[in-house]
């Protein structure tokens, strides 16, 4: 008659969520950047001690700190501040280690007064938490 075990029918008791990353096939998770294909980033503000020579500093920041670690940066330089989002890649690429290298580069620069960092977030599916004066991590 009915030869199914409780384990065979347990999946029917779970609520159906067709678009959850757990139920997506690998091809769709990759296409929609879910699960292991999510891309992570952090908001960054770096303050320099001077307003002069902003372009050479930005060029060095992009080549030595960002591109050297396989990251991307979207932002701008205004007066003595660099503001933007650092794209750190997927979780399998160890985004925390990459970000530690970038911030170590900022700490090693004598012309950087301090830097502020936001939390790690999913670049495609989460809203950015813009850092303000009251809730950032400050170093320098």
N, C-alpha and C. Protein backbone atom coordinates (compact mmCIF):
# COMPACT_ATOMS: atom_id res chain seq x y z
N UNK A 1 0.82 -1.18 0.00
CA UNK A 1 0.00 0.00 0.00
C UNK A 1 0.88 1.26 0.00
N UNK A 2 1.11 1.81 1.18
CA UNK A 2 1.86 3.04 1.29
C UNK A 2 3.23 2.73 1.90
N UNK A 3 4.27 2.60 1.05
CA UNK A 3 5.58 2.13 1.49
C UNK A 3 6.59 3.27 1.62
N UNK A 4 6.18 4.44 1.92
CA UNK A 4 7.10 5.58 2.07
C UNK A 4 7.47 5.73 3.54
N UNK A 5 8.73 6.03 3.79
CA UNK A 5 9.16 6.29 5.17
C UNK A 5 8.90 7.75 5.49
N UNK A 6 9.04 8.08 6.76
CA UNK A 6 8.81 9.47 7.19
C UNK A 6 9.86 10.40 6.59
N UNK A 7 11.07 9.91 6.35
CA UNK A 7 12.11 10.73 5.74
C UNK A 7 11.79 11.05 4.29
N UNK A 8 11.16 10.09 3.60
CA UNK A 8 10.82 10.30 2.20
C UNK A 8 9.75 11.36 2.01
N UNK A 9 8.90 11.54 2.99
CA UNK A 9 7.82 12.53 2.84
C UNK A 9 8.03 13.76 3.72
N UNK A 10 9.14 13.84 4.44
CA UNK A 10 9.38 14.98 5.33
C UNK A 10 9.50 16.27 4.54
N UNK A 11 10.01 16.19 3.32
CA UNK A 11 10.17 17.40 2.53
C UNK A 11 8.83 18.05 2.22
N UNK A 12 7.76 17.30 2.24
CA UNK A 12 6.44 17.86 1.96
C UNK A 12 5.94 18.73 3.10
N UNK A 13 6.46 18.52 4.29
CA UNK A 13 6.00 19.29 5.44
C UNK A 13 6.63 20.68 5.48
N UNK A 14 7.74 20.86 4.78
CA UNK A 14 8.40 22.16 4.76
C UNK A 14 7.60 23.15 3.92
N UNK A 15 7.59 24.41 4.31
CA UNK A 15 6.90 25.40 3.48
C UNK A 15 7.63 25.55 2.14
N UNK A 16 6.87 25.76 1.11
CA UNK A 16 7.42 25.88 -0.23
C UNK A 16 7.85 27.32 -0.48
N UNK A 17 9.10 27.52 -0.76
CA UNK A 17 9.63 28.84 -1.11
C UNK A 17 10.40 28.69 -2.42
N UNK A 18 9.73 28.86 -3.55
CA UNK A 18 10.36 28.56 -4.84
C UNK A 18 11.57 29.42 -5.18
N UNK A 19 11.66 30.62 -4.65
CA UNK A 19 12.76 31.50 -5.01
C UNK A 19 13.86 31.57 -3.95
N UNK A 20 13.78 30.76 -2.93
CA UNK A 20 14.82 30.80 -1.91
C UNK A 20 16.11 30.21 -2.49
N UNK A 21 17.27 30.77 -2.10
CA UNK A 21 18.53 30.27 -2.63
C UNK A 21 18.75 28.78 -2.36
N UNK A 22 18.17 28.27 -1.28
CA UNK A 22 18.36 26.85 -0.97
C UNK A 22 17.68 25.96 -2.00
N UNK A 23 16.62 26.44 -2.63
CA UNK A 23 15.89 25.63 -3.61
C UNK A 23 16.33 25.89 -5.05
N UNK A 24 17.15 26.90 -5.27
CA UNK A 24 17.58 27.22 -6.63
C UNK A 24 18.64 26.24 -7.10
N UNK A 25 18.62 25.96 -8.39
CA UNK A 25 19.68 25.18 -8.98
C UNK A 25 20.93 26.06 -9.09
N UNK A 26 22.07 25.43 -9.18
CA UNK A 26 23.34 26.14 -9.20
C UNK A 26 23.38 27.20 -10.31
N UNK A 27 22.86 26.87 -11.47
CA UNK A 27 22.86 27.80 -12.61
C UNK A 27 22.12 29.09 -12.26
N UNK A 28 20.96 28.95 -11.58
CA UNK A 28 20.19 30.14 -11.20
C UNK A 28 20.84 30.91 -10.06
N UNK A 29 21.45 30.18 -9.10
CA UNK A 29 22.15 30.88 -8.01
C UNK A 29 23.28 31.73 -8.58
N UNK A 30 23.98 31.20 -9.58
CA UNK A 30 25.07 31.96 -10.19
C UNK A 30 24.53 33.16 -10.95
N UNK A 31 23.47 32.95 -11.71
CA UNK A 31 22.89 34.04 -12.50
C UNK A 31 22.37 35.16 -11.61
N UNK A 32 21.75 34.80 -10.49
CA UNK A 32 21.15 35.79 -9.60
C UNK A 32 22.08 36.20 -8.46
N UNK A 33 23.30 35.67 -8.45
CA UNK A 33 24.31 36.00 -7.45
C UNK A 33 23.83 35.71 -6.02
N UNK A 34 23.33 34.50 -5.81
CA UNK A 34 22.88 34.05 -4.50
C UNK A 34 23.84 33.00 -3.97
N UNK A 35 23.73 32.73 -2.66
CA UNK A 35 24.49 31.64 -2.05
C UNK A 35 25.98 31.82 -2.21
N UNK A 36 26.64 30.79 -2.73
CA UNK A 36 28.09 30.83 -2.88
C UNK A 36 28.55 31.82 -3.95
N UNK A 37 27.62 32.37 -4.74
CA UNK A 37 27.97 33.32 -5.79
C UNK A 37 27.71 34.78 -5.40
N UNK A 38 27.33 35.02 -4.15
CA UNK A 38 27.11 36.39 -3.68
C UNK A 38 28.43 37.14 -3.68
N UNK A 39 28.38 38.42 -3.99
CA UNK A 39 29.57 39.27 -4.00
C UNK A 39 29.47 40.24 -2.84
N UNK A 40 30.56 40.38 -2.10
CA UNK A 40 30.56 41.12 -0.85
C UNK A 40 31.36 42.41 -0.97
N UNK A 41 30.98 43.40 -0.18
CA UNK A 41 31.67 44.68 -0.21
C UNK A 41 31.56 45.40 1.12
N UNK A 42 32.30 46.49 1.22
CA UNK A 42 32.27 47.33 2.42
C UNK A 42 32.37 48.78 2.00
N UNK A 43 31.70 49.64 2.77
CA UNK A 43 31.77 51.08 2.58
C UNK A 43 33.05 51.56 3.25
N UNK A 44 33.77 52.48 2.62
CA UNK A 44 35.04 52.96 3.14
C UNK A 44 35.14 54.47 2.97
N UNK A 45 35.61 55.13 4.00
CA UNK A 45 35.95 56.55 3.92
C UNK A 45 37.35 56.70 4.50
N UNK A 46 38.27 57.21 3.70
CA UNK A 46 39.64 57.46 4.14
C UNK A 46 39.89 58.96 4.11
N UNK A 47 40.41 59.49 5.20
CA UNK A 47 40.69 60.93 5.30
C UNK A 47 42.20 61.15 5.24
N UNK A 48 42.61 62.02 4.35
CA UNK A 48 44.03 62.36 4.21
C UNK A 48 44.36 63.59 5.03
N UNK A 49 45.63 63.78 5.34
CA UNK A 49 46.07 64.92 6.13
C UNK A 49 46.11 66.21 5.32
N UNK A 50 46.18 66.10 4.03
CA UNK A 50 46.28 67.27 3.17
C UNK A 50 45.30 67.15 2.00
N UNK A 51 44.98 68.30 1.41
CA UNK A 51 44.09 68.30 0.24
C UNK A 51 44.88 68.29 -1.06
N UNK A 52 46.19 68.42 -0.97
CA UNK A 52 47.03 68.49 -2.16
C UNK A 52 47.39 67.09 -2.64
N UNK A 53 47.71 66.99 -3.91
CA UNK A 53 48.13 65.74 -4.55
C UNK A 53 47.10 64.62 -4.38
N UNK A 54 45.85 64.94 -4.58
CA UNK A 54 44.79 63.95 -4.46
C UNK A 54 44.81 62.90 -5.54
N UNK A 55 45.11 63.31 -6.78
CA UNK A 55 45.11 62.36 -7.89
C UNK A 55 46.23 61.32 -7.77
N UNK A 56 47.47 61.71 -7.45
CA UNK A 56 48.50 60.67 -7.27
C UNK A 56 48.18 59.70 -6.12
N UNK A 57 47.58 60.21 -5.06
CA UNK A 57 47.19 59.34 -3.96
C UNK A 57 46.10 58.37 -4.40
N UNK A 58 45.11 58.86 -5.13
CA UNK A 58 44.04 58.00 -5.62
C UNK A 58 44.58 56.93 -6.56
N UNK A 59 45.51 57.32 -7.45
CA UNK A 59 46.12 56.34 -8.36
C UNK A 59 46.86 55.26 -7.58
N UNK A 60 47.62 55.66 -6.56
CA UNK A 60 48.35 54.68 -5.75
C UNK A 60 47.37 53.79 -4.98
N UNK A 61 46.31 54.37 -4.45
CA UNK A 61 45.31 53.60 -3.71
C UNK A 61 44.68 52.54 -4.61
N UNK A 62 44.32 52.94 -5.82
CA UNK A 62 43.67 52.00 -6.73
C UNK A 62 44.60 50.90 -7.20
N UNK A 63 45.84 51.24 -7.54
CA UNK A 63 46.75 50.22 -8.07
C UNK A 63 47.38 49.36 -6.97
N UNK A 64 47.84 49.98 -5.89
CA UNK A 64 48.58 49.24 -4.85
C UNK A 64 47.67 48.55 -3.85
N UNK A 65 46.55 49.16 -3.51
CA UNK A 65 45.69 48.58 -2.47
C UNK A 65 44.50 47.81 -3.06
N UNK A 66 43.85 48.35 -4.06
CA UNK A 66 42.62 47.75 -4.57
C UNK A 66 42.92 46.69 -5.64
N UNK A 67 43.49 47.10 -6.76
CA UNK A 67 43.72 46.17 -7.86
C UNK A 67 44.75 45.10 -7.53
N UNK A 68 45.71 45.40 -6.67
CA UNK A 68 46.73 44.43 -6.30
C UNK A 68 46.14 43.24 -5.54
N UNK A 69 44.97 43.42 -4.94
CA UNK A 69 44.32 42.35 -4.18
C UNK A 69 43.09 41.80 -4.89
N UNK A 70 42.93 42.13 -6.17
CA UNK A 70 41.83 41.58 -6.96
C UNK A 70 40.48 42.16 -6.60
N UNK A 71 40.46 43.40 -6.15
CA UNK A 71 39.20 44.06 -5.75
C UNK A 71 38.86 45.17 -6.73
N UNK A 72 37.70 45.75 -6.52
CA UNK A 72 37.25 46.90 -7.30
C UNK A 72 36.79 47.97 -6.34
N UNK A 73 36.80 49.23 -6.80
CA UNK A 73 36.38 50.35 -5.96
C UNK A 73 35.50 51.26 -6.78
N UNK A 74 34.37 51.64 -6.19
CA UNK A 74 33.48 52.61 -6.81
C UNK A 74 33.29 53.75 -5.84
N UNK A 75 33.73 54.91 -6.22
CA UNK A 75 33.61 56.04 -5.31
C UNK A 75 34.22 57.29 -5.91
N UNK A 76 34.61 58.20 -5.03
CA UNK A 76 35.15 59.48 -5.47
C UNK A 76 36.09 60.03 -4.43
N UNK A 77 36.83 61.04 -4.84
CA UNK A 77 37.70 61.77 -3.92
C UNK A 77 37.19 63.21 -3.87
N UNK A 78 36.92 63.67 -2.67
CA UNK A 78 36.43 65.03 -2.45
C UNK A 78 37.33 65.67 -1.41
N UNK A 79 37.96 66.78 -1.78
CA UNK A 79 38.91 67.47 -0.91
C UNK A 79 39.97 66.49 -0.40
N UNK A 80 39.90 66.15 0.88
CA UNK A 80 40.92 65.26 1.45
C UNK A 80 40.33 63.89 1.83
N UNK A 81 39.20 63.51 1.25
CA UNK A 81 38.55 62.24 1.59
C UNK A 81 38.31 61.39 0.35
N UNK A 82 38.53 60.09 0.53
CA UNK A 82 38.12 59.11 -0.47
C UNK A 82 36.90 58.41 0.10
N UNK A 83 35.80 58.42 -0.65
CA UNK A 83 34.56 57.80 -0.20
C UNK A 83 34.10 56.81 -1.26
N UNK A 84 33.70 55.61 -0.83
CA UNK A 84 33.20 54.67 -1.81
C UNK A 84 32.98 53.29 -1.23
N UNK A 85 32.74 52.34 -2.14
CA UNK A 85 32.49 50.95 -1.79
C UNK A 85 33.58 50.09 -2.40
N UNK A 86 34.15 49.23 -1.58
CA UNK A 86 35.17 48.28 -2.03
C UNK A 86 34.47 46.96 -2.30
N UNK A 87 34.57 46.46 -3.54
CA UNK A 87 34.01 45.16 -3.90
C UNK A 87 35.10 44.13 -3.63
N UNK A 88 34.80 43.18 -2.73
CA UNK A 88 35.80 42.23 -2.24
C UNK A 88 35.67 40.83 -2.85
N UNK A 89 34.67 40.58 -3.65
CA UNK A 89 34.51 39.27 -4.27
C UNK A 89 33.61 38.35 -3.47
N UNK A 90 33.69 37.07 -3.79
CA UNK A 90 32.85 36.06 -3.15
C UNK A 90 33.44 35.62 -1.82
N UNK A 91 32.62 34.94 -1.02
CA UNK A 91 33.07 34.42 0.28
C UNK A 91 34.24 33.47 0.11
N UNK A 92 34.26 32.69 -0.97
CA UNK A 92 35.35 31.74 -1.20
C UNK A 92 36.68 32.44 -1.45
N UNK A 93 36.65 33.73 -1.78
CA UNK A 93 37.87 34.50 -2.02
C UNK A 93 38.38 35.20 -0.78
N UNK A 94 37.80 34.90 0.39
CA UNK A 94 38.20 35.45 1.68
C UNK A 94 38.18 36.99 1.69
N UNK A 95 36.98 37.58 1.65
CA UNK A 95 36.89 39.04 1.59
C UNK A 95 37.47 39.74 2.83
N UNK A 96 37.42 39.09 3.99
CA UNK A 96 37.97 39.73 5.18
C UNK A 96 39.48 39.88 5.09
N UNK A 97 40.17 38.89 4.54
CA UNK A 97 41.62 38.98 4.38
C UNK A 97 41.99 40.05 3.36
N UNK A 98 41.22 40.13 2.27
CA UNK A 98 41.47 41.18 1.28
C UNK A 98 41.30 42.56 1.90
N UNK A 99 40.23 42.71 2.69
CA UNK A 99 39.98 44.02 3.29
C UNK A 99 41.05 44.36 4.32
N UNK A 100 41.55 43.37 5.02
CA UNK A 100 42.64 43.60 5.98
C UNK A 100 43.89 44.11 5.27
N UNK A 101 44.17 43.58 4.08
CA UNK A 101 45.32 44.06 3.30
C UNK A 101 45.12 45.50 2.84
N UNK A 102 43.91 45.83 2.43
CA UNK A 102 43.63 47.20 1.98
C UNK A 102 43.78 48.18 3.14
N UNK A 103 43.23 47.82 4.29
CA UNK A 103 43.33 48.73 5.44
C UNK A 103 44.75 48.78 5.99
N UNK A 104 45.51 47.70 5.85
CA UNK A 104 46.93 47.74 6.25
C UNK A 104 47.69 48.72 5.36
N UNK A 105 47.33 48.76 4.07
CA UNK A 105 47.95 49.73 3.17
C UNK A 105 47.62 51.15 3.62
N UNK A 106 46.37 51.38 4.00
CA UNK A 106 45.98 52.72 4.47
C UNK A 106 46.74 53.08 5.75
N UNK A 107 46.88 52.11 6.66
CA UNK A 107 47.60 52.36 7.91
C UNK A 107 49.08 52.66 7.67
N UNK A 108 49.66 52.09 6.62
CA UNK A 108 51.08 52.28 6.35
C UNK A 108 51.39 53.62 5.69
N UNK A 109 50.39 54.29 5.20
CA UNK A 109 50.60 55.57 4.52
C UNK A 109 50.70 56.72 5.51
N UNK A 110 51.78 57.49 5.47
CA UNK A 110 51.92 58.62 6.40
C UNK A 110 50.94 59.76 6.11
N UNK A 111 50.43 59.84 4.88
CA UNK A 111 49.52 60.93 4.53
C UNK A 111 48.06 60.61 4.81
N UNK A 112 47.74 59.42 5.37
CA UNK A 112 46.37 59.07 5.73
C UNK A 112 46.17 59.37 7.21
N UNK A 113 45.23 60.24 7.48
CA UNK A 113 44.94 60.63 8.86
C UNK A 113 44.17 59.52 9.58
N UNK A 114 43.06 59.07 8.98
CA UNK A 114 42.28 57.96 9.53
C UNK A 114 41.38 57.40 8.44
N UNK A 115 40.73 56.28 8.76
CA UNK A 115 39.78 55.68 7.83
C UNK A 115 38.63 55.10 8.61
N UNK A 116 37.50 55.04 7.96
CA UNK A 116 36.27 54.53 8.58
C UNK A 116 35.70 53.44 7.69
N UNK A 117 35.11 52.44 8.33
CA UNK A 117 34.65 51.27 7.60
C UNK A 117 33.24 50.88 8.01
N UNK A 118 32.45 50.48 7.04
CA UNK A 118 31.13 49.94 7.32
C UNK A 118 31.17 48.43 7.38
N UNK A 119 30.05 47.79 7.71
CA UNK A 119 30.02 46.32 7.81
C UNK A 119 30.04 45.66 6.43
N UNK A 120 30.41 44.40 6.41
CA UNK A 120 30.39 43.59 5.20
C UNK A 120 28.94 43.39 4.76
N UNK A 121 28.65 43.57 3.46
CA UNK A 121 27.28 43.41 2.99
C UNK A 121 27.28 42.82 1.58
N UNK A 122 26.17 42.20 1.21
CA UNK A 122 25.97 41.63 -0.12
C UNK A 122 25.71 42.78 -1.09
N UNK A 123 26.56 42.92 -2.08
CA UNK A 123 26.47 44.05 -3.01
C UNK A 123 25.22 44.03 -3.87
N UNK A 124 24.66 42.86 -4.15
CA UNK A 124 23.53 42.76 -5.06
C UNK A 124 22.19 42.74 -4.36
N UNK A 125 22.14 42.27 -3.11
CA UNK A 125 20.84 42.02 -2.49
C UNK A 125 20.62 42.71 -1.15
N UNK A 126 21.56 43.51 -0.69
CA UNK A 126 21.38 44.22 0.56
C UNK A 126 21.58 45.71 0.32
N UNK A 127 20.93 46.52 1.12
CA UNK A 127 21.15 47.96 1.05
C UNK A 127 22.47 48.28 1.73
N UNK A 128 23.16 49.25 1.20
CA UNK A 128 24.41 49.68 1.80
C UNK A 128 24.11 50.44 3.09
N UNK A 129 24.87 50.15 4.10
CA UNK A 129 24.77 50.91 5.34
C UNK A 129 25.80 52.03 5.27
N UNK A 130 25.33 53.21 4.90
CA UNK A 130 26.23 54.35 4.77
C UNK A 130 26.73 54.71 6.16
N UNK A 131 28.03 54.81 6.28
CA UNK A 131 28.58 55.12 7.60
C UNK A 131 28.46 56.61 7.87
N UNK A 132 28.12 56.91 9.10
CA UNK A 132 27.97 58.30 9.54
C UNK A 132 28.90 58.53 10.72
N UNK A 133 28.83 59.71 11.29
CA UNK A 133 29.73 60.05 12.38
C UNK A 133 29.50 59.26 13.65
N UNK A 134 28.31 58.67 13.84
CA UNK A 134 28.02 58.02 15.11
C UNK A 134 28.23 56.52 15.16
N UNK A 135 28.23 55.81 14.01
CA UNK A 135 28.24 54.35 14.09
C UNK A 135 29.29 53.67 13.22
N UNK A 136 30.42 54.33 13.01
CA UNK A 136 31.46 53.73 12.20
C UNK A 136 32.59 53.17 13.06
N UNK A 137 33.42 52.39 12.43
CA UNK A 137 34.65 51.94 13.08
C UNK A 137 35.73 52.90 12.62
N UNK A 138 36.47 53.46 13.52
CA UNK A 138 37.48 54.43 13.15
C UNK A 138 38.86 53.91 13.50
N UNK A 139 39.80 54.10 12.58
CA UNK A 139 41.16 53.66 12.79
C UNK A 139 42.09 54.78 12.36
N UNK A 140 43.30 54.74 12.85
CA UNK A 140 44.25 55.72 12.36
C UNK A 140 45.10 56.33 13.40
